[in-house]
PDB file of N, CA and C in Angstrom:
ATOM      1  N   MET A   1      62.169 -55.053 -29.384  1.00  0.00           N
ATOM      2  CA  MET A   1      60.971 -54.239 -29.365  1.00  0.00           C
ATOM      3  C   MET A   1      61.380 -52.770 -29.251  1.00  0.00           C
ATOM      4  N   ASN A   2      60.668 -51.915 -29.946  1.00  0.00           N
ATOM      5  CA  ASN A   2      61.018 -50.495 -29.892  1.00  0.00           C
ATOM      6  C   ASN A   2      60.393 -49.809 -28.681  1.00  0.00           C
ATOM      7  N   LEU A   3      60.834 -48.589 -28.409  1.00  0.00           N
ATOM      8  CA  LEU A   3      60.358 -47.852 -27.238  1.00  0.00           C
ATOM      9  C   LEU A   3      58.855 -47.626 -27.262  1.00  0.00           C
ATOM     10  N   TRP A   4      58.298 -47.350 -28.457  1.00  0.00           N
ATOM     11  CA  TRP A   4      56.874 -47.067 -28.533  1.00  0.00           C
ATOM     12  C   TRP A   4      56.059 -48.293 -28.138  1.00  0.00           C
ATOM     13  N   LEU A   5      56.408 -49.438 -28.692  1.00  0.00           N
ATOM     14  CA  LEU A   5      55.625 -50.640 -28.425  1.00  0.00           C
ATOM     15  C   LEU A   5      55.751 -51.128 -26.990  1.00  0.00           C
ATOM     16  N   ASP A   6      56.920 -50.915 -26.363  1.00  0.00           N
ATOM     17  CA  ASP A   6      57.043 -51.417 -24.991  1.00  0.00           C
ATOM     18  C   ASP A   6      56.582 -50.403 -23.950  1.00  0.00           C
ATOM     19  N   GLY A   7      56.067 -49.241 -24.409  1.00  0.00           N
ATOM     20  CA  GLY A   7      55.453 -48.282 -23.502  1.00  0.00           C
ATOM     21  C   GLY A   7      56.400 -47.348 -22.787  1.00  0.00           C
ATOM     22  N   THR A   8      57.656 -47.283 -23.230  1.00  0.00           N
ATOM     23  CA  THR A   8      58.604 -46.397 -22.557  1.00  0.00           C
ATOM     24  C   THR A   8      58.815 -45.079 -23.294  1.00  0.00           C
ATOM     25  N   ASP A   9      58.216 -44.929 -24.462  1.00  0.00           N
ATOM     26  CA  ASP A   9      58.316 -43.683 -25.218  1.00  0.00           C
ATOM     27  C   ASP A   9      57.247 -42.714 -24.704  1.00  0.00           C
ATOM     28  N   PRO A  10      57.629 -41.506 -24.256  1.00  0.00           N
ATOM     29  CA  PRO A  10      56.641 -40.563 -23.700  1.00  0.00           C
ATOM     30  C   PRO A  10      55.475 -40.259 -24.644  1.00  0.00           C
ATOM     31  N   ALA A  11      55.747 -40.079 -25.930  1.00  0.00           N
ATOM     32  CA  ALA A  11      54.661 -39.790 -26.870  1.00  0.00           C
ATOM     33  C   ALA A  11      53.730 -40.990 -26.998  1.00  0.00           C
ATOM     34  N   GLY A  12      54.281 -42.179 -27.006  1.00  0.00           N
ATOM     35  CA  GLY A  12      53.472 -43.377 -27.114  1.00  0.00           C
ATOM     36  C   GLY A  12      52.559 -43.573 -25.921  1.00  0.00           C
ATOM     37  N   GLN A  13      52.973 -43.108 -24.765  1.00  0.00           N
ATOM     38  CA  GLN A  13      52.165 -43.246 -23.567  1.00  0.00           C
ATOM     39  C   GLN A  13      50.910 -42.367 -23.631  1.00  0.00           C
ATOM     40  N   LYS A  14      50.916 -41.335 -24.464  1.00  0.00           N
ATOM     41  CA  LYS A  14      49.774 -40.423 -24.584  1.00  0.00           C
ATOM     42  C   LYS A  14      48.776 -40.869 -25.656  1.00  0.00           C
ATOM     43  N   THR A  15      49.133 -41.894 -26.414  1.00  0.00           N
ATOM     44  CA  THR A  15      48.289 -42.329 -27.525  1.00  0.00           C
ATOM     45  C   THR A  15      46.879 -42.691 -27.081  1.00  0.00           C
ATOM     46  N   ALA A  16      46.744 -43.332 -25.957  1.00  0.00           N
ATOM     47  CA  ALA A  16      45.425 -43.759 -25.482  1.00  0.00           C
ATOM     48  C   ALA A  16      44.525 -42.577 -25.131  1.00  0.00           C
ATOM     49  N   ALA A  17      45.088 -41.385 -25.003  1.00  0.00           N
ATOM     50  CA  ALA A  17      44.291 -40.197 -24.672  1.00  0.00           C
ATOM     51  C   ALA A  17      43.667 -39.554 -25.910  1.00  0.00           C
ATOM     52  N   ILE A  18      44.001 -40.039 -27.101  1.00  0.00           N
ATOM     53  CA  ILE A  18      43.426 -39.475 -28.330  1.00  0.00           C
ATOM     54  C   ILE A  18      41.923 -39.721 -28.315  1.00  0.00           C
ATOM     55  N   SER A  19      41.159 -38.656 -28.504  1.00  0.00           N
ATOM     56  CA  SER A  19      39.700 -38.801 -28.490  1.00  0.00           C
ATOM     57  C   SER A  19      39.066 -38.431 -29.828  1.00  0.00           C
ATOM     58  N   ALA A  20      39.857 -37.939 -30.754  1.00  0.00           N
ATOM     59  CA  ALA A  20      39.341 -37.585 -32.078  1.00  0.00           C
ATOM     60  C   ALA A  20      39.084 -38.847 -32.895  1.00  0.00           C
ATOM     61  N   PRO A  21      38.116 -38.807 -33.796  1.00  0.00           N
ATOM     62  CA  PRO A  21      37.919 -39.954 -34.686  1.00  0.00           C
ATOM     63  C   PRO A  21      39.239 -40.273 -35.384  1.00  0.00           C
ATOM     64  N   THR A  22      39.590 -41.540 -35.410  1.00  0.00           N
ATOM     65  CA  THR A  22      40.908 -41.936 -35.907  1.00  0.00           C
ATOM     66  C   THR A  22      40.786 -43.074 -36.902  1.00  0.00           C
ATOM     67  N   LEU A  23      41.410 -42.889 -38.045  1.00  0.00           N
ATOM     68  CA  LEU A  23      41.493 -43.928 -39.068  1.00  0.00           C
ATOM     69  C   LEU A  23      42.940 -44.379 -39.138  1.00  0.00           C
ATOM     70  N   ILE A  24      43.148 -45.658 -39.008  1.00  0.00           N
ATOM     71  CA  ILE A  24      44.479 -46.246 -39.116  1.00  0.00           C
ATOM     72  C   ILE A  24      44.445 -47.163 -40.321  1.00  0.00           C
ATOM     73  N   ALA A  25      45.375 -46.970 -41.242  1.00  0.00           N
ATOM     74  CA  ALA A  25      45.421 -47.799 -42.440  1.00  0.00           C
ATOM     75  C   ALA A  25      46.869 -48.194 -42.708  1.00  0.00           C
ATOM     76  N   ASP A  26      47.040 -49.390 -43.248  1.00  0.00           N
ATOM     77  CA  ASP A  26      48.381 -49.875 -43.537  1.00  0.00           C
ATOM     78  C   ASP A  26      48.291 -51.075 -44.462  1.00  0.00           C
ATOM     79  N   GLY A  27      49.405 -51.393 -45.064  1.00  0.00           N
ATOM     80  CA  GLY A  27      49.523 -52.606 -45.852  1.00  0.00           C
ATOM     81  C   GLY A  27      49.969 -53.746 -44.959  1.00  0.00           C
ATOM     82  N   THR A  28      49.527 -54.946 -45.260  1.00  0.00           N
ATOM     83  CA  THR A  28      49.846 -56.081 -44.398  1.00  0.00           C
ATOM     84  C   THR A  28      51.293 -56.534 -44.512  1.00  0.00           C
ATOM     85  N   ILE A  29      51.992 -56.104 -45.560  1.00  0.00           N
ATOM     86  CA  ILE A  29      53.396 -56.497 -45.700  1.00  0.00           C
ATOM     87  C   ILE A  29      54.316 -55.274 -45.678  1.00  0.00           C
ATOM     88  N   ASP A  30      53.950 -54.278 -44.900  1.00  0.00           N
ATOM     89  CA  ASP A  30      54.739 -53.058 -44.726  1.00  0.00           C
ATOM     90  C   ASP A  30      56.013 -53.411 -43.955  1.00  0.00           C
ATOM     91  N   ARG A  31      57.169 -53.239 -44.595  1.00  0.00           N
ATOM     92  CA  ARG A  31      58.439 -53.577 -43.949  1.00  0.00           C
ATOM     93  C   ARG A  31      58.995 -52.409 -43.140  1.00  0.00           C
ATOM     94  N   LEU A  32      58.471 -51.211 -43.315  1.00  0.00           N
ATOM     95  CA  LEU A  32      58.925 -50.050 -42.542  1.00  0.00           C
ATOM     96  C   LEU A  32      58.135 -49.889 -41.251  1.00  0.00           C
ATOM     97  N   ASP A  33      56.861 -50.223 -41.292  1.00  0.00           N
ATOM     98  CA  ASP A  33      55.978 -50.076 -40.143  1.00  0.00           C
ATOM     99  C   ASP A  33      55.174 -51.368 -40.009  1.00  0.00           C
ATOM    100  N   PRO A  34      55.621 -52.290 -39.183  1.00  0.00           N
ATOM    101  CA  PRO A  34      54.961 -53.595 -39.097  1.00  0.00           C
ATOM    102  C   PRO A  34      53.465 -53.469 -38.785  1.00  0.00           C
ATOM    103  N   VAL A  35      52.689 -54.367 -39.363  1.00  0.00           N
ATOM    104  CA  VAL A  35      51.239 -54.360 -39.187  1.00  0.00           C
ATOM    105  C   VAL A  35      50.864 -54.468 -37.706  1.00  0.00           C
ATOM    106  N   ALA A  36      51.717 -55.022 -36.896  1.00  0.00           N
ATOM    107  CA  ALA A  36      51.454 -55.107 -35.450  1.00  0.00           C
ATOM    108  C   ALA A  36      51.275 -53.718 -34.849  1.00  0.00           C
ATOM    109  N   ASN A  37      51.952 -52.715 -35.399  1.00  0.00           N
ATOM    110  CA  ASN A  37      51.801 -51.347 -34.902  1.00  0.00           C
ATOM    111  C   ASN A  37      50.385 -50.826 -35.148  1.00  0.00           C
ATOM    112  N   GLY A  38      49.826 -51.134 -36.303  1.00  0.00           N
ATOM    113  CA  GLY A  38      48.452 -50.718 -36.595  1.00  0.00           C
ATOM    114  C   GLY A  38      47.468 -51.343 -35.623  1.00  0.00           C
ATOM    115  N   HIS A  39      47.658 -52.616 -35.340  1.00  0.00           N
ATOM    116  CA  HIS A  39      46.790 -53.292 -34.377  1.00  0.00           C
ATOM    117  C   HIS A  39      46.943 -52.681 -32.984  1.00  0.00           C
ATOM    118  N   ALA A  40      48.187 -52.379 -32.606  1.00  0.00           N
ATOM    119  CA  ALA A  40      48.428 -51.784 -31.286  1.00  0.00           C
ATOM    120  C   ALA A  40      47.754 -50.423 -31.178  1.00  0.00           C
ATOM    121  N   LEU A  41      47.875 -49.597 -32.218  1.00  0.00           N
ATOM    122  CA  LEU A  41      47.226 -48.281 -32.214  1.00  0.00           C
ATOM    123  C   LEU A  41      45.714 -48.420 -32.109  1.00  0.00           C
ATOM    124  N   ALA A  42      45.169 -49.341 -32.883  1.00  0.00           N
ATOM    125  CA  ALA A  42      43.712 -49.531 -32.880  1.00  0.00           C
ATOM    126  C   ALA A  42      43.209 -49.958 -31.504  1.00  0.00           C
ATOM    127  N   GLN A  43      44.017 -50.684 -30.764  1.00  0.00           N
ATOM    128  CA  GLN A  43      43.624 -51.094 -29.419  1.00  0.00           C
ATOM    129  C   GLN A  43      43.774 -49.952 -28.421  1.00  0.00           C
ATOM    130  N   LEU A  44      44.753 -49.089 -28.646  1.00  0.00           N
ATOM    131  CA  LEU A  44      44.996 -47.991 -27.714  1.00  0.00           C
ATOM    132  C   LEU A  44      44.017 -46.831 -27.870  1.00  0.00           C
ATOM    133  N   ILE A  45      43.624 -46.542 -29.114  1.00  0.00           N
ATOM    134  CA  ILE A  45      42.771 -45.381 -29.395  1.00  0.00           C
ATOM    135  C   ILE A  45      41.321 -45.841 -29.442  1.00  0.00           C
ATOM    136  N   ARG A  46      40.575 -45.409 -28.474  1.00  0.00           N
ATOM    137  CA  ARG A  46      39.171 -45.843 -28.370  1.00  0.00           C
ATOM    138  C   ARG A  46      38.389 -45.474 -29.630  1.00  0.00           C
ATOM    139  N   GLY A  47      37.721 -46.452 -30.211  1.00  0.00           N
ATOM    140  CA  GLY A  47      36.892 -46.229 -31.392  1.00  0.00           C
ATOM    141  C   GLY A  47      37.653 -46.096 -32.692  1.00  0.00           C
ATOM    142  N   ALA A  48      38.961 -46.315 -32.673  1.00  0.00           N
ATOM    143  CA  ALA A  48      39.746 -46.196 -33.904  1.00  0.00           C
ATOM    144  C   ALA A  48      39.291 -47.239 -34.919  1.00  0.00           C
ATOM    145  N   ARG A  49      39.380 -46.855 -36.161  1.00  0.00           N
ATOM    146  CA  ARG A  49      39.009 -47.743 -37.262  1.00  0.00           C
ATOM    147  C   ARG A  49      40.290 -48.200 -37.947  1.00  0.00           C
ATOM    148  N   LEU A  50      40.515 -49.492 -38.011  1.00  0.00           N
ATOM    149  CA  LEU A  50      41.704 -50.062 -38.633  1.00  0.00           C
ATOM    150  C   LEU A  50      41.328 -50.706 -39.954  1.00  0.00           C
ATOM    151  N   THR A  51      42.016 -50.306 -41.012  1.00  0.00           N
ATOM    152  CA  THR A  51      41.820 -50.906 -42.327  1.00  0.00           C
ATOM    153  C   THR A  51      43.178 -51.373 -42.827  1.00  0.00           C
ATOM    154  N   LEU A  52      43.263 -52.643 -43.184  1.00  0.00           N
ATOM    155  CA  LEU A  52      44.511 -53.216 -43.678  1.00  0.00           C
ATOM    156  C   LEU A  52      44.332 -53.644 -45.127  1.00  0.00           C
ATOM    157  N   TYR A  53      45.355 -53.432 -45.917  1.00  0.00           N
ATOM    158  CA  TYR A  53      45.334 -53.786 -47.329  1.00  0.00           C
ATOM    159  C   TYR A  53      46.237 -55.001 -47.550  1.00  0.00           C
ATOM    160  N   PRO A  54      45.628 -56.155 -47.880  1.00  0.00           N
ATOM    161  CA  PRO A  54      46.401 -57.384 -48.077  1.00  0.00           C
ATOM    162  C   PRO A  54      47.407 -57.239 -49.211  1.00  0.00           C
ATOM    163  N   ASP A  55      48.551 -57.847 -49.015  1.00  0.00           N
ATOM    164  CA  ASP A  55      49.608 -57.882 -50.033  1.00  0.00           C
ATOM    165  C   ASP A  55      50.074 -56.497 -50.453  1.00  0.00           C
ATOM    166  N   ALA A  56      49.934 -55.514 -49.575  1.00  0.00           N
ATOM    167  CA  ALA A  56      50.404 -54.154 -49.855  1.00  0.00           C
ATOM    168  C   ALA A  56      51.459 -53.783 -48.827  1.00  0.00           C
ATOM    169  N   GLY A  57      52.399 -52.945 -49.259  1.00  0.00           N
ATOM    170  CA  GLY A  57      53.466 -52.512 -48.375  1.00  0.00           C
ATOM    171  C   GLY A  57      53.220 -51.113 -47.841  1.00  0.00           C
ATOM    172  N   HIS A  58      54.313 -50.413 -47.576  1.00  0.00           N
ATOM    173  CA  HIS A  58      54.245 -49.084 -46.987  1.00  0.00           C
ATOM    174  C   HIS A  58      53.535 -48.088 -47.911  1.00  0.00           C
ATOM    175  N   ALA A  59      53.563 -48.353 -49.193  1.00  0.00           N
ATOM    176  CA  ALA A  59      52.929 -47.460 -50.172  1.00  0.00           C
ATOM    177  C   ALA A  59      51.529 -47.935 -50.530  1.00  0.00           C
ATOM    178  N   PHE A  60      50.842 -48.556 -49.560  1.00  0.00           N
ATOM    179  CA  PHE A  60      49.504 -49.093 -49.810  1.00  0.00           C
ATOM    180  C   PHE A  60      48.567 -48.046 -50.385  1.00  0.00           C
ATOM    181  N   LEU A  61      48.734 -46.778 -49.995  1.00  0.00           N
ATOM    182  CA  LEU A  61      47.822 -45.742 -50.466  1.00  0.00           C
ATOM    183  C   LEU A  61      47.936 -45.521 -51.962  1.00  0.00           C
ATOM    184  N   PHE A  62      49.069 -45.902 -52.552  1.00  0.00           N
ATOM    185  CA  PHE A  62      49.221 -45.832 -54.004  1.00  0.00           C
ATOM    186  C   PHE A  62      48.886 -47.178 -54.640  1.00  0.00           C
ATOM    187  N   GLN A  63      49.277 -48.258 -53.971  1.00  0.00           N
ATOM    188  CA  GLN A  63      49.001 -49.597 -54.486  1.00  0.00           C
ATOM    189  C   GLN A  63      47.495 -49.863 -54.546  1.00  0.00           C
ATOM    190  N   ASP A  64      46.778 -49.388 -53.546  1.00  0.00           N
ATOM    191  CA  ASP A  64      45.339 -49.624 -53.451  1.00  0.00           C
ATOM    192  C   ASP A  64      44.566 -48.311 -53.484  1.00  0.00           C
ATOM    193  N   GLU A  65      44.999 -47.411 -54.333  1.00  0.00           N
ATOM    194  CA  GLU A  65      44.399 -46.075 -54.417  1.00  0.00           C
ATOM    195  C   GLU A  65      42.892 -46.125 -54.658  1.00  0.00           C
ATOM    196  N   ASN A  66      42.441 -47.044 -55.504  1.00  0.00           N
ATOM    197  CA  ASN A  66      41.012 -47.106 -55.838  1.00  0.00           C
ATOM    198  C   ASN A  66      40.142 -47.473 -54.638  1.00  0.00           C
ATOM    199  N   GLU A  67      40.713 -48.164 -53.665  1.00  0.00           N
ATOM    200  CA  GLU A  67      39.977 -48.495 -52.446  1.00  0.00           C
ATOM    201  C   GLU A  67      40.249 -47.473 -51.347  1.00  0.00           C
ATOM    202  N   PHE A  68      41.473 -46.939 -51.311  1.00  0.00           N
ATOM    203  CA  PHE A  68      41.866 -46.048 -50.224  1.00  0.00           C
ATOM    204  C   PHE A  68      41.211 -44.670 -50.314  1.00  0.00           C
ATOM    205  N   VAL A  69      41.142 -44.095 -51.494  1.00  0.00           N
ATOM    206  CA  VAL A  69      40.562 -42.758 -51.644  1.00  0.00           C
ATOM    207  C   VAL A  69      39.104 -42.716 -51.177  1.00  0.00           C
ATOM    208  N   PRO A  70      38.261 -43.668 -51.595  1.00  0.00           N
ATOM    209  CA  PRO A  70      36.880 -43.648 -51.080  1.00  0.00           C
ATOM    210  C   PRO A  70      36.820 -43.848 -49.559  1.00  0.00           C
ATOM    211  N   LEU A  71      37.748 -44.628 -49.011  1.00  0.00           N
ATOM    212  CA  LEU A  71      37.782 -44.798 -47.553  1.00  0.00           C
ATOM    213  C   LEU A  71      38.042 -43.473 -46.864  1.00  0.00           C
ATOM    214  N   ILE A  72      39.006 -42.722 -47.362  1.00  0.00           N
ATOM    215  CA  ILE A  72      39.325 -41.406 -46.783  1.00  0.00           C
ATOM    216  C   ILE A  72      38.131 -40.465 -46.934  1.00  0.00           C
ATOM    217  N   GLU A  73      37.545 -40.443 -48.125  1.00  0.00           N
ATOM    218  CA  GLU A  73      36.395 -39.559 -48.344  1.00  0.00           C
ATOM    219  C   GLU A  73      35.237 -39.913 -47.407  1.00  0.00           C
ATOM    220  N   SER A  74      34.999 -41.194 -47.212  1.00  0.00           N
ATOM    221  CA  SER A  74      33.938 -41.627 -46.315  1.00  0.00           C
ATOM    222  C   SER A  74      34.257 -41.261 -44.866  1.00  0.00           C
ATOM    223  N   PHE A  75      35.497 -41.466 -44.480  1.00  0.00           N
ATOM    224  CA  PHE A  75      35.903 -41.153 -43.112  1.00  0.00           C
ATOM    225  C   PHE A  75      35.787 -39.655 -42.825  1.00  0.00           C
ATOM    226  N   LEU A  76      36.189 -38.843 -43.768  1.00  0.00           N
ATOM    227  CA  LEU A  76      36.153 -37.387 -43.589  1.00  0.00           C
ATOM    228  C   LEU A  76      34.758 -36.797 -43.790  1.00  0.00           C
ATOM    229  N   GLY A  77      33.914 -37.523 -44.497  1.00  0.00           N
ATOM    230  CA  GLY A  77      32.580 -37.013 -44.814  1.00  0.00           C
ATOM    231  C   GLY A  77      31.646 -37.228 -43.734  1.00  0.00           C
TER     232      GLY A  77
END
């Protein structure tokens, strides 16, 4: 387990204090950033919105551009 997930990383310990609207997005087969990290962030940040793209990797924003761009526009709008 890495420092962030086990709670020993100083920056990771401050994550729960984020109060800004937060969108977390990832591909379900991301080999660089495991999907478990997205779930952990969504649980730590109150009101965070988690969107996962099935069968997409780290480049989900390009793989699923047609779905991701409207999500960003909606979130920012």
